[in-house]
Amino acid sequence: MTSIKRWAVVPVVCGLSTVVLAAPAFANYYSWGVVNAYEGSTLVAKGKGTVGVDYGLDVIGGHATSYDPRPGGSPAYAKIHYNYTVPIFDGPRDARGVDNATATWVDRFVNGNLNTTYSAAELRGEACQNDKLGPDACKGSAWTNQKW
C-alpha cells in the first residue's frame, strides 16, 4: 500500500513543477552600475540604477538613482534613455528621475508606456547635472538590448 501512495503522488508533483518552470518571465531589469558625469575635470553628478521592460505592466524604464557630489550647486539627476529598434528605429525617449541637490543617493522608479507594436528596444542609464544656464553635463552607461 505504501508504494502505491508514493507513485500516486509523483505524477502530481512532476506536473506542478513543469507548470512552474514553464511560466514566462514578466520583468527583466539590468543594473547599469555607477556612472560619473564631469564638466571638464570636475565631477558634477553620479547615477546608478536599473533598466528594463516589465511585460506584465507594459512599462519600459527602471530605477534612476542620483547623487550630487557638490551639494548646494546645480542638482544632479539620473534618467533612463531608450529607443525602440525593431521593426524600425523610434526614439529617443527619456524617463527622468528627480533633481537631487544632496550628497546622498535618491532613487526614483521611472518609466514610459511600453509600445508593444515594437519587439525590441535599447536602454541605458544616464547621470546628469541640471545646468540652468546651459546644456546638461551627462554621461551614459553602456546600452542594454531587450526583446519581447
N, C-alpha and C. Protein backbone atom coordinates (compact mmCIF):
# COMPACT_ATOMS: atom_id res chain seq x y z
N MET A 1 0.81 -1.18 0.00
CA MET A 1 0.00 0.00 0.00
C MET A 1 0.86 1.26 0.00
N THR A 2 1.98 1.24 0.71
CA THR A 2 2.84 2.41 0.80
C THR A 2 3.42 2.78 -0.56
N SER A 3 3.89 1.81 -1.34
CA SER A 3 4.46 2.12 -2.65
C SER A 3 3.42 2.67 -3.62
N ILE A 4 2.17 2.29 -3.50
CA ILE A 4 1.12 2.81 -4.36
C ILE A 4 0.90 4.29 -4.07
N LYS A 5 0.90 4.67 -2.81
CA LYS A 5 0.73 6.08 -2.46
C LYS A 5 1.87 6.93 -3.03
N ARG A 6 3.10 6.42 -2.94
CA ARG A 6 4.23 7.18 -3.47
C ARG A 6 4.08 7.40 -4.97
N TRP A 7 3.71 6.37 -5.70
CA TRP A 7 3.57 6.50 -7.15
C TRP A 7 2.40 7.41 -7.52
N ALA A 8 1.41 7.45 -6.70
CA ALA A 8 0.26 8.33 -6.98
C ALA A 8 0.62 9.79 -6.78
N VAL A 9 1.55 10.08 -5.89
CA VAL A 9 1.95 11.46 -5.61
C VAL A 9 2.96 11.96 -6.65
N VAL A 10 3.84 11.15 -7.14
CA VAL A 10 4.91 11.56 -8.04
C VAL A 10 4.40 12.24 -9.31
N PRO A 11 3.41 11.71 -10.05
CA PRO A 11 2.95 12.42 -11.25
C PRO A 11 2.37 13.79 -10.96
N VAL A 12 1.69 13.95 -9.85
CA VAL A 12 1.12 15.25 -9.50
C VAL A 12 2.23 16.25 -9.22
N VAL A 13 3.26 15.87 -8.48
CA VAL A 13 4.38 16.76 -8.18
C VAL A 13 5.12 17.12 -9.46
N CYS A 14 5.38 16.16 -10.32
CA CYS A 14 6.07 16.44 -11.57
C CYS A 14 5.25 17.38 -12.45
N GLY A 15 3.96 17.16 -12.50
CA GLY A 15 3.10 18.04 -13.29
C GLY A 15 3.12 19.47 -12.80
N LEU A 16 3.10 19.67 -11.50
CA LEU A 16 3.15 21.03 -10.94
C LEU A 16 4.48 21.69 -11.20
N SER A 17 5.56 20.94 -11.07
CA SER A 17 6.87 21.56 -11.30
C SER A 17 7.05 21.95 -12.77
N THR A 18 6.46 21.20 -13.68
CA THR A 18 6.53 21.56 -15.09
C THR A 18 5.81 22.87 -15.35
N VAL A 19 4.67 23.07 -14.74
CA VAL A 19 3.91 24.30 -14.91
C VAL A 19 4.70 25.48 -14.37
N VAL A 20 5.31 25.34 -13.20
CA VAL A 20 6.08 26.42 -12.60
C VAL A 20 7.28 26.77 -13.47
N LEU A 21 7.98 25.78 -13.98
CA LEU A 21 9.15 26.04 -14.81
C LEU A 21 8.77 26.66 -16.15
N ALA A 22 7.59 26.40 -16.65
CA ALA A 22 7.19 26.92 -17.95
C ALA A 22 6.59 28.32 -17.86
N ALA A 23 6.40 28.86 -16.66
CA ALA A 23 5.80 30.19 -16.52
C ALA A 23 6.71 31.25 -17.13
N PRO A 24 6.18 32.18 -17.93
CA PRO A 24 7.02 33.19 -18.59
C PRO A 24 7.51 34.25 -17.61
N ALA A 25 8.67 34.81 -17.92
CA ALA A 25 9.20 35.93 -17.12
C ALA A 25 8.48 37.20 -17.56
N PHE A 26 8.03 38.00 -16.60
CA PHE A 26 7.29 39.20 -16.95
C PHE A 26 8.13 40.47 -16.85
N ALA A 27 9.23 40.43 -16.14
CA ALA A 27 10.06 41.62 -16.00
C ALA A 27 11.53 41.24 -16.11
N ASN A 28 12.26 42.03 -16.87
CA ASN A 28 13.71 41.86 -17.00
C ASN A 28 14.37 43.21 -16.76
N TYR A 29 15.10 43.33 -15.64
CA TYR A 29 15.81 44.56 -15.32
C TYR A 29 17.29 44.25 -15.15
N TYR A 30 18.14 45.18 -15.61
CA TYR A 30 19.58 45.01 -15.57
C TYR A 30 20.21 46.23 -14.92
N SER A 31 21.20 46.00 -14.08
CA SER A 31 21.90 47.09 -13.40
C SER A 31 22.78 47.84 -14.38
N TRP A 32 22.78 49.17 -14.29
CA TRP A 32 23.70 49.94 -15.13
C TRP A 32 24.86 50.49 -14.32
N GLY A 33 25.04 50.01 -13.10
CA GLY A 33 26.21 50.37 -12.30
C GLY A 33 26.27 51.85 -11.98
N VAL A 34 27.44 52.31 -11.58
CA VAL A 34 27.63 53.73 -11.24
C VAL A 34 28.29 54.44 -12.42
N VAL A 35 27.70 55.57 -12.81
CA VAL A 35 28.22 56.39 -13.91
C VAL A 35 28.51 57.77 -13.36
N ASN A 36 29.66 58.34 -13.74
CA ASN A 36 30.07 59.67 -13.28
C ASN A 36 30.04 60.66 -14.44
N ALA A 37 29.41 61.81 -14.21
CA ALA A 37 29.38 62.88 -15.22
C ALA A 37 30.32 64.00 -14.79
N TYR A 38 31.07 64.54 -15.74
CA TYR A 38 32.06 65.58 -15.47
C TYR A 38 31.80 66.82 -16.32
N GLU A 39 32.14 67.97 -15.78
CA GLU A 39 32.31 69.20 -16.56
C GLU A 39 33.80 69.47 -16.52
N GLY A 40 34.44 69.26 -17.65
CA GLY A 40 35.90 69.31 -17.67
C GLY A 40 36.43 68.20 -16.78
N SER A 41 37.20 68.55 -15.76
CA SER A 41 37.73 67.54 -14.84
C SER A 41 36.97 67.52 -13.51
N THR A 42 35.87 68.27 -13.40
CA THR A 42 35.10 68.35 -12.15
C THR A 42 33.93 67.38 -12.18
N LEU A 43 33.88 66.49 -11.19
CA LEU A 43 32.77 65.55 -11.05
C LEU A 43 31.53 66.33 -10.62
N VAL A 44 30.45 66.27 -11.44
CA VAL A 44 29.25 67.08 -11.16
C VAL A 44 28.01 66.23 -10.87
N ALA A 45 28.02 64.94 -11.22
CA ALA A 45 26.85 64.09 -10.97
C ALA A 45 27.25 62.63 -10.99
N LYS A 46 26.54 61.84 -10.17
CA LYS A 46 26.69 60.39 -10.17
C LYS A 46 25.31 59.78 -10.35
N GLY A 47 25.26 58.66 -11.04
CA GLY A 47 24.00 57.97 -11.22
C GLY A 47 24.20 56.47 -11.21
N LYS A 48 23.15 55.75 -10.85
CA LYS A 48 23.15 54.29 -10.90
C LYS A 48 21.70 53.84 -10.95
N GLY A 49 21.47 52.56 -11.21
CA GLY A 49 20.11 52.07 -11.23
C GLY A 49 19.94 50.83 -12.07
N THR A 50 18.73 50.66 -12.59
CA THR A 50 18.40 49.52 -13.43
C THR A 50 17.65 50.01 -14.66
N VAL A 51 17.73 49.22 -15.73
CA VAL A 51 16.95 49.49 -16.94
C VAL A 51 16.26 48.20 -17.34
N GLY A 52 15.06 48.32 -17.91
CA GLY A 52 14.41 47.11 -18.36
C GLY A 52 12.98 47.30 -18.80
N VAL A 53 12.34 46.15 -19.01
CA VAL A 53 10.97 46.09 -19.50
C VAL A 53 10.17 45.20 -18.56
N ASP A 54 8.97 45.66 -18.19
CA ASP A 54 8.04 44.84 -17.42
C ASP A 54 6.86 44.53 -18.34
N TYR A 55 6.83 43.29 -18.83
CA TYR A 55 5.83 42.88 -19.80
C TYR A 55 4.44 42.78 -19.18
N GLY A 56 4.36 42.44 -17.91
CA GLY A 56 3.08 42.32 -17.23
C GLY A 56 2.41 43.66 -17.04
N LEU A 57 3.20 44.71 -16.79
CA LEU A 57 2.66 46.06 -16.59
C LEU A 57 2.73 46.92 -17.85
N ASP A 58 3.35 46.40 -18.91
CA ASP A 58 3.55 47.15 -20.16
C ASP A 58 4.26 48.48 -19.94
N VAL A 59 5.38 48.44 -19.19
CA VAL A 59 6.19 49.64 -18.97
C VAL A 59 7.64 49.37 -19.37
N ILE A 60 8.33 50.44 -19.72
CA ILE A 60 9.75 50.40 -20.04
C ILE A 60 10.42 51.49 -19.21
N GLY A 61 11.57 51.20 -18.60
CA GLY A 61 12.24 52.18 -17.75
C GLY A 61 13.11 51.51 -16.73
N GLY A 62 12.97 51.91 -15.46
CA GLY A 62 13.77 51.32 -14.39
C GLY A 62 13.99 52.28 -13.25
N HIS A 63 15.02 51.97 -12.45
CA HIS A 63 15.37 52.82 -11.31
C HIS A 63 16.43 53.83 -11.74
N ALA A 64 16.16 55.10 -11.50
CA ALA A 64 17.09 56.19 -11.78
C ALA A 64 17.50 56.78 -10.44
N THR A 65 18.74 56.53 -10.03
CA THR A 65 19.22 56.93 -8.72
C THR A 65 20.36 57.93 -8.89
N SER A 66 20.25 59.09 -8.25
CA SER A 66 21.25 60.15 -8.45
C SER A 66 21.91 60.56 -7.14
N TYR A 67 23.09 61.17 -7.29
CA TYR A 67 23.91 61.62 -6.17
C TYR A 67 24.59 62.91 -6.61
N ASP A 68 24.50 63.96 -5.79
CA ASP A 68 25.15 65.23 -6.11
C ASP A 68 26.46 65.33 -5.32
N PRO A 69 27.61 65.20 -5.98
CA PRO A 69 28.89 65.26 -5.27
C PRO A 69 29.26 66.68 -4.82
N ARG A 70 28.50 67.69 -5.29
CA ARG A 70 28.76 69.08 -4.90
C ARG A 70 27.45 69.73 -4.44
N PRO A 71 26.91 69.32 -3.28
CA PRO A 71 25.63 69.87 -2.84
C PRO A 71 25.69 71.39 -2.72
N GLY A 72 24.56 72.01 -3.05
CA GLY A 72 24.50 73.46 -2.97
C GLY A 72 24.61 74.14 -4.32
N GLY A 73 25.09 73.43 -5.31
CA GLY A 73 25.18 73.98 -6.66
C GLY A 73 24.04 73.47 -7.50
N SER A 74 24.30 73.26 -8.77
CA SER A 74 23.29 72.69 -9.65
C SER A 74 23.01 71.24 -9.24
N PRO A 75 21.73 70.83 -9.17
CA PRO A 75 21.43 69.46 -8.72
C PRO A 75 21.77 68.41 -9.77
N ALA A 76 21.94 67.19 -9.29
CA ALA A 76 22.17 66.04 -10.16
C ALA A 76 20.85 65.32 -10.39
N TYR A 77 20.76 64.60 -11.49
CA TYR A 77 19.61 63.73 -11.72
C TYR A 77 20.06 62.54 -12.55
N ALA A 78 19.27 61.48 -12.51
CA ALA A 78 19.52 60.30 -13.33
C ALA A 78 18.30 60.10 -14.22
N LYS A 79 18.53 59.48 -15.37
CA LYS A 79 17.41 59.21 -16.27
C LYS A 79 17.66 57.92 -17.02
N ILE A 80 16.58 57.36 -17.53
CA ILE A 80 16.64 56.19 -18.39
C ILE A 80 16.37 56.68 -19.81
N HIS A 81 17.30 56.40 -20.70
CA HIS A 81 17.20 56.78 -22.09
C HIS A 81 16.92 55.51 -22.89
N TYR A 82 15.93 55.54 -23.79
CA TYR A 82 15.63 54.34 -24.56
C TYR A 82 15.13 54.67 -25.97
N ASN A 83 15.36 53.71 -26.85
CA ASN A 83 14.92 53.77 -28.24
C ASN A 83 14.30 52.43 -28.60
N TYR A 84 13.20 52.44 -29.33
CA TYR A 84 12.69 51.21 -29.91
C TYR A 84 13.51 50.93 -31.16
N THR A 85 13.81 49.64 -31.41
CA THR A 85 14.72 49.31 -32.51
C THR A 85 14.15 48.35 -33.54
N VAL A 86 13.12 47.57 -33.22
CA VAL A 86 12.57 46.59 -34.16
C VAL A 86 11.05 46.71 -34.16
N PRO A 87 10.39 46.90 -35.29
CA PRO A 87 10.86 46.69 -36.66
C PRO A 87 11.64 47.88 -37.23
N ILE A 88 11.43 49.11 -36.72
CA ILE A 88 12.21 50.26 -37.17
C ILE A 88 12.66 51.04 -35.95
N PHE A 89 13.67 51.88 -36.12
CA PHE A 89 14.18 52.72 -35.03
C PHE A 89 13.17 53.82 -34.72
N ASP A 90 12.89 54.03 -33.44
CA ASP A 90 11.99 55.10 -33.00
C ASP A 90 12.48 55.60 -31.65
N GLY A 91 12.91 56.84 -31.61
CA GLY A 91 13.42 57.42 -30.37
C GLY A 91 14.05 58.75 -30.68
N PRO A 92 14.72 59.37 -29.78
CA PRO A 92 14.97 58.91 -28.42
C PRO A 92 13.82 59.27 -27.47
N ARG A 93 13.76 58.54 -26.37
CA ARG A 93 12.79 58.78 -25.31
C ARG A 93 13.53 58.77 -23.97
N ASP A 94 12.99 59.50 -23.00
CA ASP A 94 13.62 59.58 -21.67
C ASP A 94 12.57 59.42 -20.58
N ALA A 95 12.98 58.78 -19.51
CA ALA A 95 12.20 58.73 -18.27
C ALA A 95 13.14 59.30 -17.21
N ARG A 96 12.84 60.50 -16.70
CA ARG A 96 13.77 61.27 -15.88
C ARG A 96 13.46 61.14 -14.40
N GLY A 97 14.52 60.99 -13.61
CA GLY A 97 14.40 60.98 -12.16
C GLY A 97 14.29 62.39 -11.61
N VAL A 98 14.30 62.52 -10.31
CA VAL A 98 14.15 63.82 -9.65
C VAL A 98 15.49 64.53 -9.52
N ASP A 99 15.44 65.88 -9.43
CA ASP A 99 16.64 66.65 -9.12
C ASP A 99 17.06 66.34 -7.69
N ASN A 100 18.35 66.13 -7.51
CA ASN A 100 18.90 65.82 -6.19
C ASN A 100 20.03 66.79 -5.90
N ALA A 101 19.86 67.63 -4.90
CA ALA A 101 20.90 68.60 -4.52
C ALA A 101 21.58 68.19 -3.22
N THR A 102 21.58 66.88 -2.92
CA THR A 102 22.20 66.38 -1.69
C THR A 102 23.28 65.35 -2.00
N ALA A 103 24.19 65.19 -1.06
CA ALA A 103 25.25 64.19 -1.19
C ALA A 103 24.78 62.85 -0.62
N THR A 104 23.55 62.48 -0.94
CA THR A 104 23.00 61.16 -0.61
C THR A 104 22.32 60.62 -1.88
N TRP A 105 22.24 59.31 -1.97
CA TRP A 105 21.60 58.70 -3.13
C TRP A 105 20.09 58.86 -3.03
N VAL A 106 19.45 59.34 -4.09
CA VAL A 106 17.99 59.48 -4.17
C VAL A 106 17.51 58.64 -5.35
N ASP A 107 16.59 57.71 -5.06
CA ASP A 107 16.11 56.76 -6.06
C ASP A 107 14.67 57.06 -6.46
N ARG A 108 14.37 56.86 -7.74
CA ARG A 108 13.01 57.00 -8.24
C ARG A 108 12.81 55.97 -9.34
N PHE A 109 11.71 55.21 -9.27
CA PHE A 109 11.36 54.32 -10.37
C PHE A 109 10.67 55.17 -11.43
N VAL A 110 11.22 55.17 -12.64
CA VAL A 110 10.68 55.99 -13.74
C VAL A 110 10.39 55.07 -14.92
N ASN A 111 9.34 55.40 -15.66
CA ASN A 111 9.00 54.54 -16.79
C ASN A 111 8.13 55.26 -17.80
N GLY A 112 8.06 54.65 -18.96
CA GLY A 112 7.14 55.06 -20.00
C GLY A 112 6.27 53.88 -20.34
N ASN A 113 5.19 54.11 -21.07
CA ASN A 113 4.32 53.02 -21.51
C ASN A 113 5.04 52.22 -22.58
N LEU A 114 5.07 50.91 -22.42
CA LEU A 114 5.72 50.03 -23.40
C LEU A 114 4.87 49.97 -24.67
N ASN A 115 5.47 50.33 -25.79
CA ASN A 115 4.78 50.26 -27.08
C ASN A 115 4.96 48.85 -27.63
N THR A 116 3.94 48.03 -27.52
CA THR A 116 4.04 46.62 -27.90
C THR A 116 3.94 46.39 -29.41
N THR A 117 3.82 47.46 -30.21
CA THR A 117 3.90 47.27 -31.66
C THR A 117 5.36 47.06 -32.08
N TYR A 118 6.28 47.38 -31.19
CA TYR A 118 7.71 47.10 -31.39
C TYR A 118 8.04 45.81 -30.67
N SER A 119 9.14 45.17 -31.05
CA SER A 119 9.52 43.92 -30.41
C SER A 119 10.91 43.96 -29.78
N ALA A 120 11.57 45.13 -29.82
CA ALA A 120 12.89 45.25 -29.19
C ALA A 120 13.19 46.72 -28.92
N ALA A 121 14.05 46.93 -27.92
CA ALA A 121 14.47 48.28 -27.56
C ALA A 121 15.89 48.23 -27.02
N GLU A 122 16.55 49.39 -27.03
CA GLU A 122 17.84 49.55 -26.37
C GLU A 122 17.66 50.59 -25.28
N LEU A 123 18.27 50.34 -24.11
CA LEU A 123 18.11 51.22 -22.95
C LEU A 123 19.47 51.47 -22.32
N ARG A 124 19.59 52.63 -21.67
CA ARG A 124 20.79 52.91 -20.88
C ARG A 124 20.44 53.93 -19.81
N GLY A 125 21.22 53.94 -18.76
CA GLY A 125 21.07 54.94 -17.72
C GLY A 125 22.01 56.09 -17.97
N GLU A 126 21.64 57.26 -17.46
CA GLU A 126 22.49 58.43 -17.59
C GLU A 126 22.51 59.21 -16.28
N ALA A 127 23.68 59.74 -15.95
CA ALA A 127 23.85 60.66 -14.83
C ALA A 127 24.07 62.04 -15.41
N CYS A 128 23.36 63.05 -14.86
CA CYS A 128 23.44 64.40 -15.41
C CYS A 128 23.44 65.44 -14.30
N GLN A 129 23.97 66.61 -14.63
CA GLN A 129 23.85 67.79 -13.78
C GLN A 129 22.83 68.70 -14.44
N ASN A 130 21.88 69.21 -13.68
CA ASN A 130 20.85 70.10 -14.21
C ASN A 130 21.40 71.52 -14.26
N ASP A 131 22.01 71.86 -15.40
CA ASP A 131 22.56 73.20 -15.59
C ASP A 131 21.46 74.14 -16.06
N LYS A 132 21.14 75.13 -15.27
CA LYS A 132 20.06 76.07 -15.61
C LYS A 132 20.42 76.97 -16.80
N LEU A 133 21.68 77.30 -16.97
CA LEU A 133 22.09 78.26 -17.99
C LEU A 133 22.72 77.64 -19.24
N GLY A 134 22.83 76.35 -19.28
CA GLY A 134 23.47 75.75 -20.45
C GLY A 134 23.05 74.31 -20.62
N PRO A 135 23.68 73.61 -21.54
CA PRO A 135 23.34 72.20 -21.72
C PRO A 135 23.78 71.39 -20.50
N ASP A 136 23.00 70.35 -20.18
CA ASP A 136 23.33 69.50 -19.04
C ASP A 136 24.55 68.65 -19.35
N ALA A 137 25.46 68.56 -18.37
CA ALA A 137 26.60 67.66 -18.48
C ALA A 137 26.10 66.26 -18.12
N CYS A 138 26.18 65.30 -19.05
CA CYS A 138 25.66 63.95 -18.84
C CYS A 138 26.69 62.91 -19.24
N LYS A 139 26.57 61.75 -18.63
CA LYS A 139 27.38 60.59 -19.00
C LYS A 139 26.46 59.39 -19.00
N GLY A 140 26.48 58.60 -20.08
CA GLY A 140 25.62 57.44 -20.21
C GLY A 140 26.35 56.13 -19.94
N SER A 141 25.59 55.15 -19.51
CA SER A 141 26.11 53.81 -19.31
C SER A 141 26.14 53.07 -20.66
N ALA A 142 26.57 51.84 -20.63
CA ALA A 142 26.52 51.00 -21.83
C ALA A 142 25.06 50.69 -22.17
N TRP A 143 24.79 50.42 -23.43
CA TRP A 143 23.42 50.09 -23.86
C TRP A 143 23.08 48.66 -23.48
N THR A 144 21.82 48.44 -23.11
CA THR A 144 21.27 47.10 -22.86
C THR A 144 20.17 46.87 -23.89
N ASN A 145 20.24 45.78 -24.61
CA ASN A 145 19.23 45.45 -25.63
C ASN A 145 18.24 44.45 -25.07
N GLN A 146 16.95 44.68 -25.33
CA GLN A 146 15.91 43.76 -24.88
C GLN A 146 14.93 43.46 -25.99
N LYS A 147 14.51 42.19 -26.04
CA LYS A 147 13.49 41.77 -27.00
C LYS A 147 12.31 41.24 -26.21
N TRP A 148 11.12 41.35 -26.76
CA TRP A 148 9.94 40.79 -26.11
C TRP A 148 9.04 40.13 -27.12
